[in-house]
Each structure stands twice: as C-alpha cells, then as structure tokens.
Amino acid sequence: MIAYLSGTARSVRADTVIVLAGGVGRIVTIAPGHAARMHEGQEIELHTELVVREDSLTLYGFETAHARSVFRTLLTVSGVGPKLAMAVLAVLGADGVAAAVAAEDAKALTAVPGIGAKGAARMLLELTGKLPADAVLPGATVAAAPAPGDQVVEALVGLGWKDAQAERAVADVRAATPDADVSALLKDALRMLGGPR
C-alpha cells in the first residue's frame, strides 16, 4: 500500500494532481480546496490511501494523516464510497466531521452535496465512537459549510473559468434566484457561461 508520497506536483486539476517522485508520476485524487492551493512544479507531501475496486485502483491524497484517518472511518459507513467521503472532508474538514458526529449535528452533514436527512442520520449512527481518538479535539466546532455561491465559484474555477468570470456568473444567478441550492446554482451558472468547458 502507498501511505505517503513526496514529490513534485505536475498537471494540477480540479480534484487530481500527478505527483512525480523517483521518475514515476502517480495520479492522486485530492479535495478541490487542496488542489486550489497547489501549483505545478511545487514540492508536495501527501498522506495517501489506496482504494482498490474490482475495476480500478485509486490513490486518494490528504494534507494530514488525521484527515486520511477520518477518510478511512467514513468509508466504513454503509453507502459512503470514496467520492462521498472526499466530499464530506472537502465541505466540513476532518475536525468538522468529528465535531458534527460528537454534537450529533445532522444539519452539518446535510450541507454536503449527496447527503440527505436519512444519510446524515445513518452516518451519525454508524460513526459514533468510531472516529480516531485524535479526531475529537477539545473545543472543536463544526466548520461552517461554505456558502453555496462559494462552492459553485470553486467548482467553476476547477472547470477552467477565471475567478472573475465565475464570481460574476454566480452573482448574476444569485440575484435572479436567491434561494437556489448548490446544484441549481451550478446548473444556471453553467448555462449562463455557455456550458461546461
């Protein structure tokens, strides 16, 4: 198993990076926020988890061993695969997940796209007492979920638009439909920008 990678970032995308180490490039799936802070040529270190499926081998990368540990624990929940576990970490962060579970805060979990009320309740039930001992930190609080507009701007930038274009499109859509959720906001912003790149 590959537990740790250190090397040069190549081909940084919205949710993947190629890590060049020892003449070999490995594709690593990472959180969009993590990718946004990377640039090509940067020396990076990632704690990794190799997820083996019948038809694929996928390497997931994390900034800390703690985040990787929370990811592993999320995978033990029925119905939670690696993509959803990464989404949970992207929205709440490792400490936010621990705090949400400790506080039995289903609302925090439903802020993650793809998790409804039933899924949040199941996660709380199955995660209670399972998070790593270092995950529940004294005074930890649930990180405020990013505003839907911020999530959509990040997604649009990840798809190739400039920050200013993405922010303008999201602002225009928010003005027209202030109560739009993330998926509706993204769909309308993409339509305004002319579809995916």
C-alpha atoms as a PDB file:
ATOM      1  CA  MET A   1       0.000   0.000   0.000  1.00  0.00           C
ATOM      2  CA  ILE A   2       1.178   3.542  -0.691  1.00  0.00           C
ATOM      3  CA  ALA A   3       0.736   5.510   2.551  1.00  0.00           C
ATOM      4  CA  TYR A   4       2.773   8.622   1.797  1.00  0.00           C
ATOM      5  CA  LEU A   5       4.037  10.455  -1.281  1.00  0.00           C
ATOM      6  CA  SER A   6       6.562  13.222  -1.586  1.00  0.00           C
ATOM      7  CA  GLY A   7       7.447  14.759  -4.920  1.00  0.00           C
ATOM      8  CA  THR A   8       6.776  17.447  -7.485  1.00  0.00           C
ATOM      9  CA  ALA A   9       3.240  18.466  -8.442  1.00  0.00           C
ATOM     10  CA  ARG A  10       2.500  18.049 -12.139  1.00  0.00           C
ATOM     11  CA  SER A  11      -0.740  18.610 -14.016  1.00  0.00           C
ATOM     12  CA  VAL A  12      -2.811  20.040 -11.140  1.00  0.00           C
ATOM     13  CA  ARG A  13      -6.537  19.689 -11.941  1.00  0.00           C
ATOM     14  CA  ALA A  14      -9.727  20.491 -10.001  1.00  0.00           C
ATOM     15  CA  ASP A  15      -9.519  17.302  -7.943  1.00  0.00           C
ATOM     16  CA  THR A  16      -6.372  15.470  -9.042  1.00  0.00           C
ATOM     17  CA  VAL A  17      -2.647  16.025  -9.171  1.00  0.00           C
ATOM     18  CA  ILE A  18       0.137  13.996 -10.707  1.00  0.00           C
ATOM     19  CA  VAL A  19       2.931  13.575  -8.159  1.00  0.00           C
ATOM     20  CA  LEU A  20       6.301  12.988  -9.823  1.00  0.00           C
ATOM     21  CA  ALA A  21       8.599  11.036  -7.496  1.00  0.00           C
ATOM     22  CA  GLY A  22      11.598   8.953  -8.498  1.00  0.00           C
ATOM     23  CA  GLY A  23      10.817   9.372 -12.185  1.00  0.00           C
ATOM     24  CA  VAL A  24       7.295   7.947 -11.775  1.00  0.00           C
ATOM     25  CA  GLY A  25       4.134  10.057 -11.929  1.00  0.00           C
ATOM     26  CA  ARG A  26       1.224   8.921  -9.779  1.00  0.00           C
ATOM     27  CA  ILE A  27      -2.288  10.334 -10.203  1.00  0.00           C
ATOM     28  CA  VAL A  28      -3.698  11.270  -6.797  1.00  0.00           C
ATOM     29  CA  THR A  29      -7.295  12.357  -6.154  1.00  0.00           C
ATOM     30  CA  ILE A  30      -7.439  15.281  -3.722  1.00  0.00           C
ATOM     31  CA  ALA A  31     -10.025  17.721  -2.377  1.00  0.00           C
ATOM     32  CA  PRO A  32     -10.742  20.697  -4.684  1.00  0.00           C
ATOM     33  CA  GLY A  33      -9.706  23.153  -1.971  1.00  0.00           C
ATOM     34  CA  HIS A  34      -6.377  21.364  -1.623  1.00  0.00           C
ATOM     35  CA  ALA A  35      -5.865  21.435  -5.396  1.00  0.00           C
ATOM     36  CA  ALA A  36      -6.625  25.162  -5.486  1.00  0.00           C
ATOM     37  CA  ARG A  37      -3.631  25.799  -3.211  1.00  0.00           C
ATOM     38  CA  MET A  38      -1.207  23.799  -5.388  1.00  0.00           C
ATOM     39  CA  HIS A  39       0.714  24.840  -8.437  1.00  0.00           C
ATOM     40  CA  GLU A  40       2.697  22.917 -10.990  1.00  0.00           C
ATOM     41  CA  GLY A  41       6.330  22.467 -10.001  1.00  0.00           C
ATOM     42  CA  GLN A  42       5.611  22.769  -6.270  1.00  0.00           C
ATOM     43  CA  GLU A  43       7.189  20.214  -3.927  1.00  0.00           C
ATOM     44  CA  ILE A  44       4.338  18.485  -2.094  1.00  0.00           C
ATOM     45  CA  GLU A  45       3.806  15.818   0.547  1.00  0.00           C
ATOM     46  CA  LEU A  46       0.609  13.773   0.745  1.00  0.00           C
ATOM     47  CA  HIS A  47      -0.684  11.162   3.154  1.00  0.00           C
ATOM     48  CA  THR A  48      -2.414   8.669   0.880  1.00  0.00           C
ATOM     49  CA  GLU A  49      -4.957   5.884   0.858  1.00  0.00           C
ATOM     50  CA  LEU A  50      -5.152   3.355  -1.969  1.00  0.00           C
ATOM     51  CA  VAL A  51      -8.747   2.304  -2.666  1.00  0.00           C
ATOM     52  CA  VAL A  52      -8.963  -0.963  -4.574  1.00  0.00           C
ATOM     53  CA  ARG A  53     -12.085  -1.718  -6.583  1.00  0.00           C
ATOM     54  CA  GLU A  54     -12.768  -4.544  -8.996  1.00  0.00           C
ATOM     55  CA  ASP A  55     -12.156  -2.267 -11.969  1.00  0.00           C
ATOM     56  CA  SER A  56      -9.825   0.396 -10.568  1.00  0.00           C
ATOM     57  CA  LEU A  57      -7.031   1.367  -8.211  1.00  0.00           C
ATOM     58  CA  THR A  58      -7.418   4.951  -6.984  1.00  0.00           C
ATOM     59  CA  LEU A  59      -4.972   6.819  -4.797  1.00  0.00           C
ATOM     60  CA  TYR A  60      -6.517   9.500  -2.557  1.00  0.00           C
ATOM     61  CA  GLY A  61      -4.302  12.183  -1.043  1.00  0.00           C
ATOM     62  CA  PHE A  62      -4.626  14.231   2.145  1.00  0.00           C
ATOM     63  CA  GLU A  63      -2.718  17.078   3.742  1.00  0.00           C
ATOM     64  CA  THR A  64      -2.540  15.295   7.113  1.00  0.00           C
ATOM     65  CA  ALA A  65      -2.548  11.759   8.483  1.00  0.00           C
ATOM     66  CA  HIS A  66      -5.508  12.843  10.621  1.00  0.00           C
ATOM     67  CA  ALA A  67      -7.614  13.659   7.522  1.00  0.00           C
ATOM     68  CA  ARG A  68      -6.670  10.305   5.993  1.00  0.00           C
ATOM     69  CA  SER A  69      -7.751   8.548   9.179  1.00  0.00           C
ATOM     70  CA  VAL A  70     -11.155  10.285   9.108  1.00  0.00           C
ATOM     71  CA  PHE A  71     -11.495   9.336   5.412  1.00  0.00           C
ATOM     72  CA  ARG A  72     -10.876   5.673   6.280  1.00  0.00           C
ATOM     73  CA  THR A  73     -13.506   5.841   9.009  1.00  0.00           C
ATOM     74  CA  LEU A  74     -16.053   7.465   6.681  1.00  0.00           C
ATOM     75  CA  LEU A  75     -15.607   4.535   4.289  1.00  0.00           C
ATOM     76  CA  THR A  76     -16.919   2.178   6.984  1.00  0.00           C
ATOM     77  CA  VAL A  77     -20.378   3.789   6.769  1.00  0.00           C
ATOM     78  CA  SER A  78     -22.782   1.842   4.554  1.00  0.00           C
ATOM     79  CA  GLY A  79     -23.494   3.755   1.365  1.00  0.00           C
ATOM     80  CA  VAL A  80     -20.432   6.003   1.673  1.00  0.00           C
ATOM     81  CA  GLY A  81     -17.846   5.474  -1.030  1.00  0.00           C
ATOM     82  CA  PRO A  82     -14.573   7.307  -1.534  1.00  0.00           C
ATOM     83  CA  LYS A  83     -16.078  10.128  -3.627  1.00  0.00           C
ATOM     84  CA  LEU A  84     -18.692  10.947  -0.996  1.00  0.00           C
ATOM     85  CA  ALA A  85     -16.107  10.639   1.791  1.00  0.00           C
ATOM     86  CA  MET A  86     -13.908  13.152  -0.066  1.00  0.00           C
ATOM     87  CA  ALA A  87     -16.908  15.486  -0.456  1.00  0.00           C
ATOM     88  CA  VAL A  88     -17.565  15.298   3.295  1.00  0.00           C
ATOM     89  CA  LEU A  89     -13.953  16.198   4.042  1.00  0.00           C
ATOM     90  CA  ALA A  90     -13.966  18.966   1.422  1.00  0.00           C
ATOM     91  CA  VAL A  91     -17.024  20.627   2.968  1.00  0.00           C
ATOM     92  CA  LEU A  92     -16.503  20.005   6.702  1.00  0.00           C
ATOM     93  CA  GLY A  93     -12.824  19.192   7.137  1.00  0.00           C
ATOM     94  CA  ALA A  94     -11.600  16.373   9.364  1.00  0.00           C
ATOM     95  CA  ASP A  95     -12.190  18.259  12.620  1.00  0.00           C
ATOM     96  CA  GLY A  96     -15.618  19.398  11.415  1.00  0.00           C
ATOM     97  CA  VAL A  97     -16.665  15.790  10.768  1.00  0.00           C
ATOM     98  CA  ALA A  98     -15.573  14.794  14.271  1.00  0.00           C
ATOM     99  CA  ALA A  99     -17.357  17.762  15.824  1.00  0.00           C
ATOM    100  CA  ALA A 100     -20.554  17.092  13.843  1.00  0.00           C
ATOM    101  CA  VAL A 101     -20.610  13.472  14.984  1.00  0.00           C
ATOM    102  CA  ALA A 102     -19.814  14.380  18.602  1.00  0.00           C
ATOM    103  CA  ALA A 103     -22.602  17.002  18.594  1.00  0.00           C
ATOM    104  CA  GLU A 104     -24.968  14.731  16.607  1.00  0.00           C
ATOM    105  CA  ASP A 105     -25.333  17.605  14.142  1.00  0.00           C
ATOM    106  CA  ALA A 106     -27.144  16.084  11.167  1.00  0.00           C
ATOM    107  CA  LYS A 107     -27.651  19.541   9.638  1.00  0.00           C
ATOM    108  CA  ALA A 108     -23.894  19.977   9.230  1.00  0.00           C
ATOM    109  CA  LEU A 109     -23.698  16.666   7.355  1.00  0.00           C
ATOM    110  CA  THR A 110     -26.607  17.563   5.049  1.00  0.00           C
ATOM    111  CA  ALA A 111     -24.580  20.591   3.900  1.00  0.00           C
ATOM    112  CA  VAL A 112     -22.552  18.078   1.881  1.00  0.00           C
ATOM    113  CA  PRO A 113     -23.963  17.575  -1.634  1.00  0.00           C
ATOM    114  CA  GLY A 114     -25.232  13.994  -1.877  1.00  0.00           C
ATOM    115  CA  ILE A 115     -26.175  13.592   1.794  1.00  0.00           C
ATOM    116  CA  GLY A 116     -29.824  13.903   2.738  1.00  0.00           C
ATOM    117  CA  ALA A 117     -31.508  13.665   6.130  1.00  0.00           C
ATOM    118  CA  LYS A 118     -31.582   9.846   6.106  1.00  0.00           C
ATOM    119  CA  GLY A 119     -27.954   9.583   5.034  1.00  0.00           C
ATOM    120  CA  ALA A 120     -26.889  12.043   7.740  1.00  0.00           C
ATOM    121  CA  ALA A 121     -28.787  10.080  10.391  1.00  0.00           C
ATOM    122  CA  ARG A 122     -27.161   6.833   9.220  1.00  0.00           C
ATOM    123  CA  MET A 123     -23.721   8.456   9.285  1.00  0.00           C
ATOM    124  CA  LEU A 124     -24.234   9.738  12.825  1.00  0.00           C
ATOM    125  CA  LEU A 125     -25.387   6.314  13.966  1.00  0.00           C
ATOM    126  CA  GLU A 126     -22.530   4.423  12.324  1.00  0.00           C
ATOM    127  CA  LEU A 127     -19.751   6.910  13.146  1.00  0.00           C
ATOM    128  CA  THR A 128     -20.491   7.365  16.836  1.00  0.00           C
ATOM    129  CA  GLY A 129     -17.471   6.130  18.763  1.00  0.00           C
ATOM    130  CA  LYS A 130     -15.581   5.166  15.591  1.00  0.00           C
ATOM    131  CA  LEU A 131     -13.645   8.299  14.774  1.00  0.00           C
ATOM    132  CA  PRO A 132      -9.944   8.164  15.617  1.00  0.00           C
ATOM    133  CA  ALA A 133      -9.095   9.276  19.133  1.00  0.00           C
ATOM    134  CA  ASP A 134      -7.213  12.297  17.790  1.00  0.00           C
ATOM    135  CA  ALA A 135     -10.201  13.365  15.699  1.00  0.00           C
ATOM    136  CA  VAL A 136     -12.295  14.797  18.521  1.00  0.00           C
ATOM    137  CA  LEU A 137     -10.271  17.736  19.694  1.00  0.00           C
ATOM    138  CA  PRO A 138     -11.185  19.747  22.795  1.00  0.00           C
ATOM    139  CA  GLY A 139     -13.150  22.798  21.735  1.00  0.00           C
ATOM    140  CA  ALA A 140     -13.571  21.546  18.164  1.00  0.00           C
ATOM    141  CA  THR A 141     -16.515  23.073  16.402  1.00  0.00           C
ATOM    142  CA  VAL A 142     -18.234  22.264  13.184  1.00  0.00           C
ATOM    143  CA  ALA A 143     -16.746  24.357  10.437  1.00  0.00           C
ATOM    144  CA  ALA A 144     -19.334  26.492   8.783  1.00  0.00           C
ATOM    145  CA  ALA A 145     -20.178  24.964   5.464  1.00  0.00           C
ATOM    146  CA  PRO A 146     -19.102  27.208   2.620  1.00  0.00           C
ATOM    147  CA  ALA A 147     -21.895  29.283   1.170  1.00  0.00           C
ATOM    148  CA  PRO A 148     -23.442  27.676  -1.919  1.00  0.00           C
ATOM    149  CA  GLY A 149     -22.074  30.524  -4.023  1.00  0.00           C
ATOM    150  CA  ASP A 150     -18.517  29.875  -2.822  1.00  0.00           C
ATOM    151  CA  GLN A 151     -18.822  26.173  -3.632  1.00  0.00           C
ATOM    152  CA  VAL A 152     -20.081  26.943  -7.141  1.00  0.00           C
ATOM    153  CA  VAL A 153     -17.341  29.512  -7.776  1.00  0.00           C
ATOM    154  CA  GLU A 154     -14.740  26.920  -6.713  1.00  0.00           C
ATOM    155  CA  ALA A 155     -16.332  24.317  -8.985  1.00  0.00           C
ATOM    156  CA  LEU A 156     -16.403  26.699 -11.968  1.00  0.00           C
ATOM    157  CA  VAL A 157     -12.767  27.678 -11.440  1.00  0.00           C
ATOM    158  CA  GLY A 158     -11.955  23.976 -11.286  1.00  0.00           C
ATOM    159  CA  LEU A 159     -13.708  23.575 -14.635  1.00  0.00           C
ATOM    160  CA  GLY A 160     -11.478  26.212 -16.216  1.00  0.00           C
ATOM    161  CA  TRP A 161     -13.164  29.599 -15.843  1.00  0.00           C
ATOM    162  CA  LYS A 162     -11.347  32.582 -14.354  1.00  0.00           C
ATOM    163  CA  ASP A 163     -12.268  33.645 -10.797  1.00  0.00           C
ATOM    164  CA  ALA A 164     -13.843  36.888 -12.014  1.00  0.00           C
ATOM    165  CA  GLN A 165     -15.996  35.095 -14.618  1.00  0.00           C
ATOM    166  CA  ALA A 166     -17.171  32.518 -12.082  1.00  0.00           C
ATOM    167  CA  GLU A 167     -17.940  35.118  -9.406  1.00  0.00           C
ATOM    168  CA  ARG A 168     -19.856  37.314 -11.873  1.00  0.00           C
ATOM    169  CA  ALA A 169     -21.951  34.382 -13.152  1.00  0.00           C
ATOM    170  CA  VAL A 170     -22.758  33.216  -9.613  1.00  0.00           C
ATOM    171  CA  ALA A 171     -23.662  36.760  -8.518  1.00  0.00           C
ATOM    172  CA  ASP A 172     -26.000  37.142 -11.512  1.00  0.00           C
ATOM    173  CA  VAL A 173     -27.701  33.804 -10.820  1.00  0.00           C
ATOM    174  CA  ARG A 174     -27.984  34.593  -7.070  1.00  0.00           C
ATOM    175  CA  ALA A 175     -29.626  37.924  -7.910  1.00  0.00           C
ATOM    176  CA  ALA A 176     -32.226  36.158 -10.063  1.00  0.00           C
ATOM    177  CA  THR A 177     -32.787  33.167  -7.727  1.00  0.00           C
ATOM    178  CA  PRO A 178     -31.542  33.971  -4.201  1.00  0.00           C
ATOM    179  CA  ASP A 179     -32.768  30.679  -2.696  1.00  0.00           C
ATOM    180  CA  ALA A 180     -31.090  28.396  -5.253  1.00  0.00           C
ATOM    181  CA  ASP A 181     -29.207  25.428  -3.809  1.00  0.00           C
ATOM    182  CA  VAL A 182     -25.729  24.397  -4.963  1.00  0.00           C
ATOM    183  CA  SER A 183     -26.876  22.152  -7.814  1.00  0.00           C
ATOM    184  CA  ALA A 184     -29.367  24.686  -9.204  1.00  0.00           C
ATOM    185  CA  LEU A 185     -26.827  27.471  -8.849  1.00  0.00           C
ATOM    186  CA  LEU A 186     -24.166  25.467 -10.679  1.00  0.00           C
ATOM    187  CA  LYS A 187     -26.567  24.461 -13.451  1.00  0.00           C
ATOM    188  CA  ASP A 188     -27.735  28.047 -14.028  1.00  0.00           C
ATOM    189  CA  ALA A 189     -24.202  29.457 -13.834  1.00  0.00           C
ATOM    190  CA  LEU A 190     -23.000  26.893 -16.398  1.00  0.00           C
ATOM    191  CA  ARG A 191     -25.891  27.800 -18.681  1.00  0.00           C
ATOM    192  CA  MET A 192     -25.002  31.488 -18.341  1.00  0.00           C
ATOM    193  CA  LEU A 193     -21.343  30.787 -19.119  1.00  0.00           C
ATOM    194  CA  GLY A 194     -22.203  28.614 -22.103  1.00  0.00           C
ATOM    195  CA  GLY A 195     -21.895  25.075 -20.723  1.00  0.00           C
ATOM    196  CA  PRO A 196     -19.013  23.016 -19.374  1.00  0.00           C
ATOM    197  CA  ARG A 197     -15.544  23.627 -20.771  1.00  0.00           C
END
